[in-house]
């Protein structure tokens, strides 16, 4: 039996079919795994493509997982400001893509968001 028989997440032919729970990701240091919320459709006559001002736009996101925090110069762990389930505001099209998720550093998060706040 090979490793791919015992670990289905290592079978390259199934990577796109696996759910997030079958291949969990644990962020390291001050990394945060987020899921961007869909953009709110605004009614109007002029349609501006999402890619037109991607870097300037702020987006709401949900924190999926956080790392344990980075270390300071004395070797002490710096605690994370956010935890799984928090709603946050990020600028532009942040981080690198992992399926439907994004991995960003804690510093890329602009602010916490209260439930019900709409980001346009």
PDB file of N, CA and C in Angstrom:
ATOM      1  N   UNK A   1       0.844  -1.186   0.000  1.00  0.00           N
ATOM      2  CA  UNK A   1       0.000   0.000   0.000  1.00  0.00           C
ATOM      3  C   UNK A   1       0.885   1.245   0.000  1.00  0.00           C
ATOM      4  N   UNK A   2       0.599   2.200  -0.863  1.00  0.00           N
ATOM      5  CA  UNK A   2       1.397   3.422  -0.948  1.00  0.00           C
ATOM      6  C   UNK A   2       0.816   4.498  -0.056  1.00  0.00           C
ATOM      7  N   UNK A   3       1.559   5.597   0.102  1.00  0.00           N
ATOM      8  CA  UNK A   3       1.072   6.716   0.915  1.00  0.00           C
ATOM      9  C   UNK A   3      -0.224   7.281   0.366  1.00  0.00           C
ATOM     10  N   UNK A   4      -0.390   7.274  -0.960  1.00  0.00           N
ATOM     11  CA  UNK A   4      -1.612   7.834  -1.525  1.00  0.00           C
ATOM     12  C   UNK A   4      -2.817   6.956  -1.237  1.00  0.00           C
ATOM     13  N   UNK A   5      -2.613   5.665  -0.953  1.00  0.00           N
ATOM     14  CA  UNK A   5      -3.730   4.799  -0.582  1.00  0.00           C
ATOM     15  C   UNK A   5      -4.203   5.105   0.835  1.00  0.00           C
ATOM     16  N   UNK A   6      -3.286   5.445   1.715  1.00  0.00           N
ATOM     17  CA  UNK A   6      -3.653   5.724   3.099  1.00  0.00           C
ATOM     18  C   UNK A   6      -4.022   7.184   3.325  1.00  0.00           C
ATOM     19  N   UNK A   7      -3.582   8.075   2.439  1.00  0.00           N
ATOM     20  CA  UNK A   7      -3.858   9.499   2.573  1.00  0.00           C
ATOM     21  C   UNK A   7      -4.502  10.009   1.291  1.00  0.00           C
ATOM     22  N   UNK A   8      -5.852   9.998   1.212  1.00  0.00           N
ATOM     23  CA  UNK A   8      -6.503  10.401  -0.031  1.00  0.00           C
ATOM     24  C   UNK A   8      -6.197  11.838  -0.440  1.00  0.00           C
ATOM     25  N   UNK A   9      -5.844  12.699   0.499  1.00  0.00           N
ATOM     26  CA  UNK A   9      -5.552  14.085   0.137  1.00  0.00           C
ATOM     27  C   UNK A   9      -4.250  14.198  -0.647  1.00  0.00           C
ATOM     28  N   UNK A  10      -3.419  13.139  -0.655  1.00  0.00           N
ATOM     29  CA  UNK A  10      -2.161  13.180  -1.387  1.00  0.00           C
ATOM     30  C   UNK A  10      -2.311  12.675  -2.813  1.00  0.00           C
ATOM     31  N   UNK A  11      -3.486  12.170  -3.190  1.00  0.00           N
ATOM     32  CA  UNK A  11      -3.741  11.690  -4.537  1.00  0.00           C
ATOM     33  C   UNK A  11      -3.995  12.891  -5.432  1.00  0.00           C
ATOM     34  N   UNK A  12      -3.048  13.197  -6.312  1.00  0.00           N
ATOM     35  CA  UNK A  12      -3.120  14.398  -7.142  1.00  0.00           C
ATOM     36  C   UNK A  12      -4.358  14.431  -8.019  1.00  0.00           C
ATOM     37  N   UNK A  13      -4.886  13.280  -8.415  1.00  0.00           N
ATOM     38  CA  UNK A  13      -6.065  13.265  -9.285  1.00  0.00           C
ATOM     39  C   UNK A  13      -7.327  13.690  -8.550  1.00  0.00           C
ATOM     40  N   UNK A  14      -7.316  13.674  -7.217  1.00  0.00           N
ATOM     41  CA  UNK A  14      -8.503  14.042  -6.437  1.00  0.00           C
ATOM     42  C   UNK A  14      -8.410  15.428  -5.808  1.00  0.00           C
ATOM     43  N   UNK A  15      -7.318  16.159  -5.977  1.00  0.00           N
ATOM     44  CA  UNK A  15      -7.123  17.423  -5.268  1.00  0.00           C
ATOM     45  C   UNK A  15      -8.297  18.387  -5.474  1.00  0.00           C
ATOM     46  N   UNK A  16      -8.762  18.558  -6.691  1.00  0.00           N
ATOM     47  CA  UNK A  16      -9.865  19.484  -6.943  1.00  0.00           C
ATOM     48  C   UNK A  16     -11.191  19.022  -6.384  1.00  0.00           C
ATOM     49  N   UNK A  17     -11.320  17.725  -6.063  1.00  0.00           N
ATOM     50  CA  UNK A  17     -12.576  17.179  -5.573  1.00  0.00           C
ATOM     51  C   UNK A  17     -12.646  17.132  -4.049  1.00  0.00           C
ATOM     52  N   UNK A  18     -11.538  17.344  -3.377  1.00  0.00           N
ATOM     53  CA  UNK A  18     -11.503  17.220  -1.928  1.00  0.00           C
ATOM     54  C   UNK A  18     -12.147  18.423  -1.254  1.00  0.00           C
ATOM     55  N   UNK A  19     -12.821  18.171  -0.155  1.00  0.00           N
ATOM     56  CA  UNK A  19     -13.365  19.278   0.624  1.00  0.00           C
ATOM     57  C   UNK A  19     -12.270  19.820   1.533  1.00  0.00           C
ATOM     58  N   UNK A  20     -12.494  21.007   2.079  1.00  0.00           N
ATOM     59  CA  UNK A  20     -11.497  21.627   2.942  1.00  0.00           C
ATOM     60  C   UNK A  20     -11.215  20.771   4.168  1.00  0.00           C
ATOM     61  N   UNK A  21     -12.213  20.058   4.679  1.00  0.00           N
ATOM     62  CA  UNK A  21     -12.002  19.245   5.874  1.00  0.00           C
ATOM     63  C   UNK A  21     -11.139  18.029   5.588  1.00  0.00           C
ATOM     64  N   UNK A  22     -11.053  17.580   4.327  1.00  0.00           N
ATOM     65  CA  UNK A  22     -10.199  16.448   3.987  1.00  0.00           C
ATOM     66  C   UNK A  22      -8.743  16.861   3.841  1.00  0.00           C
ATOM     67  N   UNK A  23      -8.495  18.133   3.670  1.00  0.00           N
ATOM     68  CA  UNK A  23      -7.119  18.623   3.576  1.00  0.00           C
ATOM     69  C   UNK A  23      -6.995  19.902   4.407  1.00  0.00           C
ATOM     70  N   UNK A  24      -7.059  19.779   5.726  1.00  0.00           N
ATOM     71  CA  UNK A  24      -7.026  20.955   6.593  1.00  0.00           C
ATOM     72  C   UNK A  24      -5.707  21.717   6.466  1.00  0.00           C
ATOM     73  N   UNK A  25      -5.794  23.023   6.628  1.00  0.00           N
ATOM     74  CA  UNK A  25      -4.615  23.877   6.568  1.00  0.00           C
ATOM     75  C   UNK A  25      -4.485  24.583   7.902  1.00  0.00           C
ATOM     76  N   UNK A  26      -3.320  24.481   8.490  1.00  0.00           N
ATOM     77  CA  UNK A  26      -3.032  25.169   9.736  1.00  0.00           C
ATOM     78  C   UNK A  26      -2.045  26.291   9.432  1.00  0.00           C
ATOM     79  N   UNK A  27      -2.517  27.538   9.464  1.00  0.00           N
ATOM     80  CA  UNK A  27      -1.601  28.650   9.174  1.00  0.00           C
ATOM     81  C   UNK A  27      -0.460  28.701  10.185  1.00  0.00           C
ATOM     82  N   UNK A  28       0.696  29.172   9.736  1.00  0.00           N
ATOM     83  CA  UNK A  28       1.866  29.323  10.595  1.00  0.00           C
ATOM     84  C   UNK A  28       2.074  30.786  10.949  1.00  0.00           C
ATOM     85  N   UNK A  29       2.814  31.024  12.017  1.00  0.00           N
ATOM     86  CA  UNK A  29       3.193  32.372  12.455  1.00  0.00           C
ATOM     87  C   UNK A  29       1.979  33.296  12.509  1.00  0.00           C
ATOM     88  N   UNK A  30       2.050  34.439  11.802  1.00  0.00           N
ATOM     89  CA  UNK A  30       0.946  35.409  11.836  1.00  0.00           C
ATOM     90  C   UNK A  30       0.081  35.332  10.577  1.00  0.00           C
ATOM     91  N   UNK A  31       0.003  34.136   9.980  1.00  0.00           N
ATOM     92  CA  UNK A  31      -0.838  33.942   8.800  1.00  0.00           C
ATOM     93  C   UNK A  31      -2.291  33.727   9.213  1.00  0.00           C
ATOM     94  N   UNK A  32      -3.208  34.196   8.360  1.00  0.00           N
ATOM     95  CA  UNK A  32      -4.643  34.062   8.609  1.00  0.00           C
ATOM     96  C   UNK A  32      -5.289  33.520   7.340  1.00  0.00           C
ATOM     97  N   UNK A  33      -6.086  32.474   7.478  1.00  0.00           N
ATOM     98  CA  UNK A  33      -6.834  31.919   6.354  1.00  0.00           C
ATOM     99  C   UNK A  33      -8.213  32.560   6.358  1.00  0.00           C
ATOM    100  N   UNK A  34      -8.572  33.230   5.242  1.00  0.00           N
ATOM    101  CA  UNK A  34      -9.855  33.928   5.165  1.00  0.00           C
ATOM    102  C   UNK A  34     -10.648  33.449   3.962  1.00  0.00           C
ATOM    103  N   UNK A  35     -11.943  33.705   3.997  1.00  0.00           N
ATOM    104  CA  UNK A  35     -12.814  33.474   2.850  1.00  0.00           C
ATOM    105  C   UNK A  35     -13.482  34.801   2.533  1.00  0.00           C
ATOM    106  N   UNK A  36     -13.240  35.318   1.329  1.00  0.00           N
ATOM    107  CA  UNK A  36     -13.832  36.594   0.936  1.00  0.00           C
ATOM    108  C   UNK A  36     -15.335  36.440   0.776  1.00  0.00           C
ATOM    109  N   UNK A  37     -16.085  37.431   1.266  1.00  0.00           N
ATOM    110  CA  UNK A  37     -17.529  37.438   1.070  1.00  0.00           C
ATOM    111  C   UNK A  37     -17.817  37.953  -0.337  1.00  0.00           C
ATOM    112  N   UNK A  38     -18.926  37.514  -0.938  1.00  0.00           N
ATOM    113  CA  UNK A  38     -19.245  37.997  -2.287  1.00  0.00           C
ATOM    114  C   UNK A  38     -19.474  39.506  -2.284  1.00  0.00           C
ATOM    115  N   UNK A  39     -19.145  40.128  -3.403  1.00  0.00           N
ATOM    116  CA  UNK A  39     -19.377  41.562  -3.533  1.00  0.00           C
ATOM    117  C   UNK A  39     -20.865  41.840  -3.597  1.00  0.00           C
ATOM    118  N   UNK A  40     -21.282  42.967  -3.028  1.00  0.00           N
ATOM    119  CA  UNK A  40     -22.682  43.364  -3.046  1.00  0.00           C
ATOM    120  C   UNK A  40     -22.985  43.988  -4.404  1.00  0.00           C
ATOM    121  N   UNK A  41     -24.010  43.482  -5.073  1.00  0.00           N
ATOM    122  CA  UNK A  41     -24.390  44.031  -6.376  1.00  0.00           C
ATOM    123  C   UNK A  41     -25.162  45.329  -6.152  1.00  0.00           C
ATOM    124  N   UNK A  42     -24.719  46.375  -6.802  1.00  0.00           N
ATOM    125  CA  UNK A  42     -25.371  47.672  -6.677  1.00  0.00           C
ATOM    126  C   UNK A  42     -26.219  47.914  -7.920  1.00  0.00           C
ATOM    127  N   UNK A  43     -27.406  48.470  -7.730  1.00  0.00           N
ATOM    128  CA  UNK A  43     -28.241  48.767  -8.886  1.00  0.00           C
ATOM    129  C   UNK A  43     -27.794  50.089  -9.494  1.00  0.00           C
ATOM    130  N   UNK A  44     -27.817  50.162 -10.790  1.00  0.00           N
ATOM    131  CA  UNK A  44     -27.395  51.381 -11.480  1.00  0.00           C
ATOM    132  C   UNK A  44     -27.229  51.126 -12.956  1.00  0.00           C
ATOM    133  N   UNK A  45     -26.958  52.181 -13.708  1.00  0.00           N
ATOM    134  CA  UNK A  45     -26.833  52.057 -15.143  1.00  0.00           C
ATOM    135  C   UNK A  45     -25.422  51.720 -15.594  1.00  0.00           C
ATOM    136  N   UNK A  46     -24.439  52.056 -14.798  1.00  0.00           N
ATOM    137  CA  UNK A  46     -23.048  51.859 -15.190  1.00  0.00           C
ATOM    138  C   UNK A  46     -22.484  50.629 -14.492  1.00  0.00           C
ATOM    139  N   UNK A  47     -21.941  49.711 -15.281  1.00  0.00           N
ATOM    140  CA  UNK A  47     -21.328  48.504 -14.714  1.00  0.00           C
ATOM    141  C   UNK A  47     -19.815  48.635 -14.821  1.00  0.00           C
ATOM    142  N   UNK A  48     -19.142  48.616 -13.669  1.00  0.00           N
ATOM    143  CA  UNK A  48     -17.684  48.657 -13.638  1.00  0.00           C
ATOM    144  C   UNK A  48     -17.211  47.263 -13.264  1.00  0.00           C
ATOM    145  N   UNK A  49     -16.417  46.616 -14.117  1.00  0.00           N
ATOM    146  CA  UNK A  49     -15.950  45.258 -13.800  1.00  0.00           C
ATOM    147  C   UNK A  49     -15.183  45.229 -12.484  1.00  0.00           C
ATOM    148  N   UNK A  50     -15.278  44.097 -11.796  1.00  0.00           N
ATOM    149  CA  UNK A  50     -14.591  43.929 -10.515  1.00  0.00           C
ATOM    150  C   UNK A  50     -13.093  44.139 -10.655  1.00  0.00           C
ATOM    151  N   UNK A  51     -12.527  43.766 -11.788  1.00  0.00           N
ATOM    152  CA  UNK A  51     -11.079  43.875 -11.974  1.00  0.00           C
ATOM    153  C   UNK A  51     -10.611  45.309 -12.219  1.00  0.00           C
ATOM    154  N   UNK A  52     -11.534  46.229 -12.472  1.00  0.00           N
ATOM    155  CA  UNK A  52     -11.152  47.600 -12.802  1.00  0.00           C
ATOM    156  C   UNK A  52     -10.448  48.302 -11.643  1.00  0.00           C
ATOM    157  N   UNK A  53     -10.918  48.112 -10.436  1.00  0.00           N
ATOM    158  CA  UNK A  53     -10.296  48.779  -9.290  1.00  0.00           C
ATOM    159  C   UNK A  53     -10.077  47.782  -8.154  1.00  0.00           C
ATOM    160  N   UNK A  54      -9.588  46.604  -8.492  1.00  0.00           N
ATOM    161  CA  UNK A  54      -9.416  45.516  -7.532  1.00  0.00           C
ATOM    162  C   UNK A  54      -8.525  45.909  -6.358  1.00  0.00           C
ATOM    163  N   UNK A  55      -7.450  46.634  -6.604  1.00  0.00           N
ATOM    164  CA  UNK A  55      -6.521  46.967  -5.528  1.00  0.00           C
ATOM    165  C   UNK A  55      -7.074  48.021  -4.575  1.00  0.00           C
ATOM    166  N   UNK A  56      -7.957  48.873  -5.044  1.00  0.00           N
ATOM    167  CA  UNK A  56      -8.466  49.950  -4.203  1.00  0.00           C
ATOM    168  C   UNK A  56      -9.689  49.537  -3.383  1.00  0.00           C
ATOM    169  N   UNK A  57     -10.377  48.501  -3.779  1.00  0.00           N
ATOM    170  CA  UNK A  57     -11.634  48.108  -3.158  1.00  0.00           C
ATOM    171  C   UNK A  57     -11.397  47.390  -1.828  1.00  0.00           C
ATOM    172  N   UNK A  58     -12.234  47.685  -0.857  1.00  0.00           N
ATOM    173  CA  UNK A  58     -12.195  46.958   0.408  1.00  0.00           C
ATOM    174  C   UNK A  58     -13.238  45.856   0.350  1.00  0.00           C
ATOM    175  N   UNK A  59     -12.934  44.723   0.953  1.00  0.00           N
ATOM    176  CA  UNK A  59     -13.837  43.580   0.932  1.00  0.00           C
ATOM    177  C   UNK A  59     -13.998  43.033   2.336  1.00  0.00           C
ATOM    178  N   UNK A  60     -15.169  42.487   2.592  1.00  0.00           N
ATOM    179  CA  UNK A  60     -15.419  41.788   3.846  1.00  0.00           C
ATOM    180  C   UNK A  60     -14.976  40.340   3.683  1.00  0.00           C
ATOM    181  N   UNK A  61     -14.503  39.757   4.761  1.00  0.00           N
ATOM    182  CA  UNK A  61     -14.053  38.362   4.733  1.00  0.00           C
ATOM    183  C   UNK A  61     -14.340  37.718   6.080  1.00  0.00           C
ATOM    184  N   UNK A  62     -14.404  36.399   6.072  1.00  0.00           N
ATOM    185  CA  UNK A  62     -14.601  35.626   7.293  1.00  0.00           C
ATOM    186  C   UNK A  62     -13.301  34.886   7.588  1.00  0.00           C
ATOM    187  N   UNK A  63     -12.847  34.953   8.836  1.00  0.00           N
ATOM    188  CA  UNK A  63     -11.632  34.253   9.244  1.00  0.00           C
ATOM    189  C   UNK A  63     -11.969  32.773   9.415  1.00  0.00           C
ATOM    190  N   UNK A  64     -11.213  31.923   8.731  1.00  0.00           N
ATOM    191  CA  UNK A  64     -11.409  30.481   8.798  1.00  0.00           C
ATOM    192  C   UNK A  64     -10.464  29.852   9.829  1.00  0.00           C
ATOM    193  N   UNK A  65      -9.210  30.275   9.821  1.00  0.00           N
ATOM    194  CA  UNK A  65      -8.206  29.736  10.756  1.00  0.00           C
ATOM    195  C   UNK A  65      -7.092  30.761  10.929  1.00  0.00           C
ATOM    196  N   UNK A  66      -6.429  30.732  12.076  1.00  0.00           N
ATOM    197  CA  UNK A  66      -5.306  31.642  12.334  1.00  0.00           C
ATOM    198  C   UNK A  66      -4.100  30.858  12.843  1.00  0.00           C
ATOM    199  N   UNK A  67      -2.931  31.397  12.576  1.00  0.00           N
ATOM    200  CA  UNK A  67      -1.701  30.815  13.098  1.00  0.00           C
ATOM    201  C   UNK A  67      -1.537  31.180  14.566  1.00  0.00           C
ATOM    202  N   UNK A  68      -0.526  30.645  15.210  1.00  0.00           N
ATOM    203  CA  UNK A  68      -0.306  30.908  16.631  1.00  0.00           C
ATOM    204  C   UNK A  68       0.260  32.292  16.923  1.00  0.00           C
ATOM    205  N   UNK A  69       0.748  32.997  15.900  1.00  0.00           N
ATOM    206  CA  UNK A  69       1.333  34.320  16.081  1.00  0.00           C
ATOM    207  C   UNK A  69       2.828  34.299  15.815  1.00  0.00           C
ATOM    208  N   UNK A  70       3.349  35.446  15.432  1.00  0.00           N
ATOM    209  CA  UNK A  70       4.782  35.575  15.143  1.00  0.00           C
ATOM    210  C   UNK A  70       5.544  35.754  16.456  1.00  0.00           C
ATOM    211  N   UNK A  71       6.871  35.732  16.359  1.00  0.00           N
ATOM    212  CA  UNK A  71       7.728  35.958  17.522  1.00  0.00           C
ATOM    213  C   UNK A  71       8.327  37.352  17.453  1.00  0.00           C
ATOM    214  N   UNK A  72       8.450  38.003  18.616  1.00  0.00           N
ATOM    215  CA  UNK A  72       9.121  39.305  18.647  1.00  0.00           C
ATOM    216  C   UNK A  72      10.635  39.089  18.762  1.00  0.00           C
ATOM    217  N   UNK A  73      11.391  40.178  18.905  1.00  0.00           N
ATOM    218  CA  UNK A  73      12.864  40.094  18.940  1.00  0.00           C
ATOM    219  C   UNK A  73      13.388  39.337  20.153  1.00  0.00           C
ATOM    220  N   UNK A  74      12.597  39.283  21.224  1.00  0.00           N
ATOM    221  CA  UNK A  74      13.018  38.561  22.437  1.00  0.00           C
ATOM    222  C   UNK A  74      12.589  37.098  22.407  1.00  0.00           C
ATOM    223  N   UNK A  75      11.928  36.677  21.318  1.00  0.00           N
ATOM    224  CA  UNK A  75      11.491  35.295  21.219  1.00  0.00           C
ATOM    225  C   UNK A  75      10.139  35.029  21.853  1.00  0.00           C
ATOM    226  N   UNK A  76       9.438  36.083  22.236  1.00  0.00           N
ATOM    227  CA  UNK A  76       8.112  35.931  22.832  1.00  0.00           C
ATOM    228  C   UNK A  76       7.052  35.907  21.730  1.00  0.00           C
ATOM    229  N   UNK A  77       6.075  35.045  21.881  1.00  0.00           N
ATOM    230  CA  UNK A  77       5.000  34.920  20.896  1.00  0.00           C
ATOM    231  C   UNK A  77       4.081  36.138  20.986  1.00  0.00           C
ATOM    232  N   UNK A  78       3.804  36.765  19.845  1.00  0.00           N
ATOM    233  CA  UNK A  78       2.866  37.891  19.773  1.00  0.00           C
ATOM    234  C   UNK A  78       1.481  37.312  19.521  1.00  0.00           C
ATOM    235  N   UNK A  79       0.525  37.535  20.419  1.00  0.00           N
ATOM    236  CA  UNK A  79      -0.798  36.930  20.236  1.00  0.00           C
ATOM    237  C   UNK A  79      -1.520  37.507  19.012  1.00  0.00           C
ATOM    238  N   UNK A  80      -2.365  36.690  18.421  1.00  0.00           N
ATOM    239  CA  UNK A  80      -3.140  37.103  17.257  1.00  0.00           C
ATOM    240  C   UNK A  80      -4.325  37.962  17.704  1.00  0.00           C
ATOM    241  N   UNK A  81      -4.694  38.923  16.856  1.00  0.00           N
ATOM    242  CA  UNK A  81      -5.818  39.808  17.152  1.00  0.00           C
ATOM    243  C   UNK A  81      -7.158  39.211  16.750  1.00  0.00           C
ATOM    244  N   UNK A  82      -7.136  38.192  15.886  1.00  0.00           N
ATOM    245  CA  UNK A  82      -8.372  37.636  15.355  1.00  0.00           C
ATOM    246  C   UNK A  82      -8.432  36.150  15.632  1.00  0.00           C
ATOM    247  N   UNK A  83      -9.647  35.605  15.572  1.00  0.00           N
ATOM    248  CA  UNK A  83      -9.815  34.159  15.742  1.00  0.00           C
ATOM    249  C   UNK A  83     -10.807  33.653  14.701  1.00  0.00           C
ATOM    250  N   UNK A  84     -10.875  32.345  14.545  1.00  0.00           N
ATOM    251  CA  UNK A  84     -11.774  31.739  13.564  1.00  0.00           C
ATOM    252  C   UNK A  84     -13.201  32.208  13.810  1.00  0.00           C
ATOM    253  N   UNK A  85     -13.887  32.558  12.724  1.00  0.00           N
ATOM    254  CA  UNK A  85     -15.269  33.017  12.824  1.00  0.00           C
ATOM    255  C   UNK A  85     -15.414  34.526  12.805  1.00  0.00           C
ATOM    256  N   UNK A  86     -14.330  35.270  13.070  1.00  0.00           N
ATOM    257  CA  UNK A  86     -14.402  36.729  13.052  1.00  0.00           C
ATOM    258  C   UNK A  86     -14.662  37.230  11.636  1.00  0.00           C
ATOM    259  N   UNK A  87     -15.319  38.364  11.548  1.00  0.00           N
ATOM    260  CA  UNK A  87     -15.553  39.024  10.262  1.00  0.00           C
ATOM    261  C   UNK A  87     -14.608  40.213  10.206  1.00  0.00           C
ATOM    262  N   UNK A  88     -13.893  40.359   9.076  1.00  0.00           N
ATOM    263  CA  UNK A  88     -12.858  41.388   8.971  1.00  0.00           C
ATOM    264  C   UNK A  88     -12.955  42.124   7.640  1.00  0.00           C
ATOM    265  N   UNK A  89     -12.238  43.249   7.552  1.00  0.00           N
ATOM    266  CA  UNK A  89     -12.163  44.057   6.344  1.00  0.00           C
ATOM    267  C   UNK A  89     -10.753  43.939   5.787  1.00  0.00           C
ATOM    268  N   UNK A  90     -10.635  43.604   4.502  1.00  0.00           N
ATOM    269  CA  UNK A  90      -9.343  43.515   3.826  1.00  0.00           C
ATOM    270  C   UNK A  90      -9.368  44.423   2.607  1.00  0.00           C
ATOM    271  N   UNK A  91      -8.187  44.866   2.193  1.00  0.00           N
ATOM    272  CA  UNK A  91      -8.090  45.768   1.058  1.00  0.00           C
ATOM    273  C   UNK A  91      -7.724  45.004  -0.204  1.00  0.00           C
ATOM    274  N   UNK A  92      -8.412  45.301  -1.288  1.00  0.00           N
ATOM    275  CA  UNK A  92      -8.064  44.764  -2.594  1.00  0.00           C
ATOM    276  C   UNK A  92      -8.315  43.281  -2.737  1.00  0.00           C
ATOM    277  N   UNK A  93      -7.376  42.613  -3.355  1.00  0.00           N
ATOM    278  CA  UNK A  93      -7.459  41.192  -3.653  1.00  0.00           C
ATOM    279  C   UNK A  93      -6.277  40.539  -2.936  1.00  0.00           C
ATOM    280  N   UNK A  94      -6.380  40.351  -1.615  1.00  0.00           N
ATOM    281  CA  UNK A  94      -5.206  40.039  -0.799  1.00  0.00           C
ATOM    282  C   UNK A  94      -4.749  38.587  -0.851  1.00  0.00           C
ATOM    283  N   UNK A  95      -3.510  38.400  -0.473  1.00  0.00           N
ATOM    284  CA  UNK A  95      -2.962  37.078  -0.220  1.00  0.00           C
ATOM    285  C   UNK A  95      -2.845  36.184  -1.426  1.00  0.00           C
ATOM    286  N   UNK A  96      -2.622  34.919  -1.147  1.00  0.00           N
ATOM    287  CA  UNK A  96      -2.543  33.944  -2.218  1.00  0.00           C
ATOM    288  C   UNK A  96      -3.689  32.964  -2.068  1.00  0.00           C
ATOM    289  N   UNK A  97      -4.133  32.452  -3.194  1.00  0.00           N
ATOM    290  CA  UNK A  97      -5.356  31.664  -3.292  1.00  0.00           C
ATOM    291  C   UNK A  97      -5.111  30.202  -2.927  1.00  0.00           C
ATOM    292  N   UNK A  98      -5.997  29.665  -2.094  1.00  0.00           N
ATOM    293  CA  UNK A  98      -6.016  28.242  -1.762  1.00  0.00           C
ATOM    294  C   UNK A  98      -7.463  27.804  -1.943  1.00  0.00           C
ATOM    295  N   UNK A  99      -7.813  27.357  -3.131  1.00  0.00           N
ATOM    296  CA  UNK A  99      -9.209  27.003  -3.435  1.00  0.00           C
ATOM    297  C   UNK A  99     -10.078  28.226  -3.270  1.00  0.00           C
ATOM    298  N   UNK A 100     -11.137  28.140  -2.461  1.00  0.00           N
ATOM    299  CA  UNK A 100     -12.007  29.302  -2.247  1.00  0.00           C
ATOM    300  C   UNK A 100     -11.491  30.247  -1.157  1.00  0.00           C
ATOM    301  N   UNK A 101     -10.323  29.969  -0.613  1.00  0.00           N
ATOM    302  CA  UNK A 101      -9.793  30.727   0.510  1.00  0.00           C
ATOM    303  C   UNK A 101      -8.582  31.561   0.105  1.00  0.00           C
ATOM    304  N   UNK A 102      -8.172  32.477   0.988  1.00  0.00           N
ATOM    305  CA  UNK A 102      -6.977  33.294   0.805  1.00  0.00           C
ATOM    306  C   UNK A 102      -6.143  33.209   2.066  1.00  0.00           C
ATOM    307  N   UNK A 103      -4.827  33.143   1.891  1.00  0.00           N
ATOM    308  CA  UNK A 103      -3.909  33.172   3.023  1.00  0.00           C
ATOM    309  C   UNK A 103      -3.267  34.545   3.048  1.00  0.00           C
ATOM    310  N   UNK A 104      -3.438  35.266   4.163  1.00  0.00           N
ATOM    311  CA  UNK A 104      -2.887  36.614   4.305  1.00  0.00           C
ATOM    312  C   UNK A 104      -2.163  36.720   5.639  1.00  0.00           C
ATOM    313  N   UNK A 105      -1.305  37.701   5.749  1.00  0.00           N
ATOM    314  CA  UNK A 105      -0.690  38.009   7.041  1.00  0.00           C
ATOM    315  C   UNK A 105      -1.685  38.835   7.855  1.00  0.00           C
ATOM    316  N   UNK A 106      -1.577  38.752   9.164  1.00  0.00           N
ATOM    317  CA  UNK A 106      -2.491  39.503  10.021  1.00  0.00           C
ATOM    318  C   UNK A 106      -2.450  40.997   9.692  1.00  0.00           C
ATOM    319  N   UNK A 107      -1.285  41.520   9.300  1.00  0.00           N
ATOM    320  CA  UNK A 107      -1.151  42.928   8.964  1.00  0.00           C
ATOM    321  C   UNK A 107      -1.936  43.351   7.731  1.00  0.00           C
ATOM    322  N   UNK A 108      -2.363  42.398   6.891  1.00  0.00           N
ATOM    323  CA  UNK A 108      -3.160  42.716   5.697  1.00  0.00           C
ATOM    324  C   UNK A 108      -4.625  42.954   6.041  1.00  0.00           C
ATOM    325  N   UNK A 109      -5.006  42.624   7.264  1.00  0.00           N
ATOM    326  CA  UNK A 109      -6.383  42.862   7.698  1.00  0.00           C
ATOM    327  C   UNK A 109      -6.472  44.298   8.200  1.00  0.00           C
ATOM    328  N   UNK A 110      -7.391  45.053   7.602  1.00  0.00           N
ATOM    329  CA  UNK A 110      -7.521  46.475   7.924  1.00  0.00           C
ATOM    330  C   UNK A 110      -8.254  46.727   9.236  1.00  0.00           C
ATOM    331  N   UNK A 111      -9.334  45.958   9.499  1.00  0.00           N
ATOM    332  CA  UNK A 111     -10.135  46.217  10.697  1.00  0.00           C
ATOM    333  C   UNK A 111     -11.111  45.072  10.931  1.00  0.00           C
ATOM    334  N   UNK A 112     -11.575  44.918  12.171  1.00  0.00           N
ATOM    335  CA  UNK A 112     -12.654  43.956  12.415  1.00  0.00           C
ATOM    336  C   UNK A 112     -13.977  44.558  11.925  1.00  0.00           C
ATOM    337  N   UNK A 113     -14.918  43.715  11.544  1.00  0.00           N
ATOM    338  CA  UNK A 113     -16.239  44.177  11.093  1.00  0.00           C
ATOM    339  C   UNK A 113     -17.319  43.568  11.970  1.00  0.00           C
ATOM    340  N   UNK A 114     -18.280  44.366  12.326  1.00  0.00           N
ATOM    341  CA  UNK A 114     -19.427  43.871  13.077  1.00  0.00           C
ATOM    342  C   UNK A 114     -20.352  43.116  12.128  1.00  0.00           C
ATOM    343  N   UNK A 115     -21.110  42.174  12.653  1.00  0.00           N
ATOM    344  CA  UNK A 115     -22.094  41.466  11.848  1.00  0.00           C
ATOM    345  C   UNK A 115     -23.134  42.460  11.338  1.00  0.00           C
ATOM    346  N   UNK A 116     -23.568  42.288  10.113  1.00  0.00           N
ATOM    347  CA  UNK A 116     -24.588  43.154   9.539  1.00  0.00           C
ATOM    348  C   UNK A 116     -24.054  44.361   8.794  1.00  0.00           C
ATOM    349  N   UNK A 117     -22.775  44.702   8.956  1.00  0.00           N
ATOM    350  CA  UNK A 117     -22.188  45.834   8.238  1.00  0.00           C
ATOM    351  C   UNK A 117     -21.970  45.413   6.792  1.00  0.00           C
ATOM    352  N   UNK A 118     -22.490  46.210   5.847  1.00  0.00           N
ATOM    353  CA  UNK A 118     -22.358  45.911   4.415  1.00  0.00           C
ATOM    354  C   UNK A 118     -21.194  46.716   3.848  1.00  0.00           C
ATOM    355  N   UNK A 119     -20.316  46.038   3.145  1.00  0.00           N
ATOM    356  CA  UNK A 119     -19.186  46.686   2.490  1.00  0.00           C
ATOM    357  C   UNK A 119     -19.533  46.785   1.011  1.00  0.00           C
ATOM    358  N   UNK A 120     -19.581  48.001   0.481  1.00  0.00           N
ATOM    359  CA  UNK A 120     -19.936  48.211  -0.931  1.00  0.00           C
ATOM    360  C   UNK A 120     -18.717  48.488  -1.751  1.00  0.00           C
TER     361      UNK A 120
END
